[in-house]
């Protein structure tokens, strides 16, 4: 296993994306535009990050002409100005009509004036309706783009180097689809990606990478739980109580950049700060509590009896106590906002991400029970693991499994066998089975675990 250096407080993401590039995940989209101005786009499903800080955006009354929605934006503004002008004219006509009714006016002259004003009022009403009809058509067109007539042309309102536009994936929709056409003795299969852009941002990416999984994948930390054999007690309740006892407190801890603020951690629950200033305008600031580097070991680990996914675990001994176990982890270009850690026998395990190259299947092998007049009941039991490494490189994998553990002198677990022979494994007193193996590229490994459960024939066991 490799030993490298990490920062214990956090591993900070640094996106080194070339100009005009798109990274798409199921929970977040990162887009770097090749534009040389500060224009971002339209809509409310986006924000901009400058480095690691969120940028301030401002709206303007016009958009660049090369934007696909610039003419629509200008048209909406023009029609609204027209409606405002017509409304002013209507108000003026009403005032003019009221002020023209003097006693010295003849009846015929008043009728002529009223007729002229009525014609003008009718003309204004028709023009207003025409403008509203045009706005309704534009509104229907904009709704398909995920926008409304109140859309805003957004610009970056500050100096920003290497800006990244963060888009909600619900606004930039990518759906895979498959098509099959049977023709005689052959069938034609077509795989498609359907892309719908409702983000308000023109996407013009020289390079685009689409991932079907989340950038911030949720991590469920696995804890070994003995496979207990109980007399007349379902193991489901034991499993439930064990899971509840193992619940980790997950909180986000801010990291920081303020030079004026100093902080010292007294213990796991106390922090002393000096020169801390937070304005009541909703702004935030971050403060670094500590940062240091130390060696760690990377280990792929899986608990097939409860979770078939393989996790990359970083293991190290921290210099200070870690109380909150939610992490933001990155390794190269890989980043995960939902890393989860825990202490195990004085070692801190940080579950960083899911390794998708290794596929694991687990099936139970249960045989018929046999009864003897004096020997009681015997049941041959076990399970089978089918492991495939789809990666082009070798991988070291640690498998955590279970051997049933008897909690009664009336139950015995015997004749444990693990195949194939030559596997490196250990079995602890609590029935924890640890297997360490190396999977070669495209390698497939089949592991069979078998055992015999013996118990008095007049009792029922559950596990």
Foldseek 3Di string as FASTA:
>chain_A
DDKDKDKVAAHDAFDPDDAFEWEAAQFKIKGHHNDPFFWFFKDDQKWKDFGNHTFDKDFDQADDPPQPCRVVSVLLVVLVVLLVVLVVVLVVLVVVLVVVDDPVDDPVVNVVSVVVSVVSNVVSVVSNVVSVVVQVVSQVVLVQLVDGSPMTGMGGPDDGDRMIMMGGCVQWDKDKDKDWADDPPDIDIDIDIDTGHSGRGDRDGPYYDHDHHHLADADDDDDDDAQEKDFPDACVVVVVVVVVVPDAAADDAFAFDDPQKDWEDPAQPDIDIDPDDDDPPPDDGHYHHDIDMDMWDWAWEDEVVVDFWIWIKTKDQDPGDDRHFAHWHDDVNRTHRGWGWDDDPRIIIIGGDTDPQKGKDKAKDWDDWDQDPPQAIKTKIWMKMKMWGQDQAKHKYKYKYFDYDYPDPQKDKDDKDKDDPPWDWDADNSGIIITIDMAGHRRIDMMIIMIMMGGHNVTDIHD
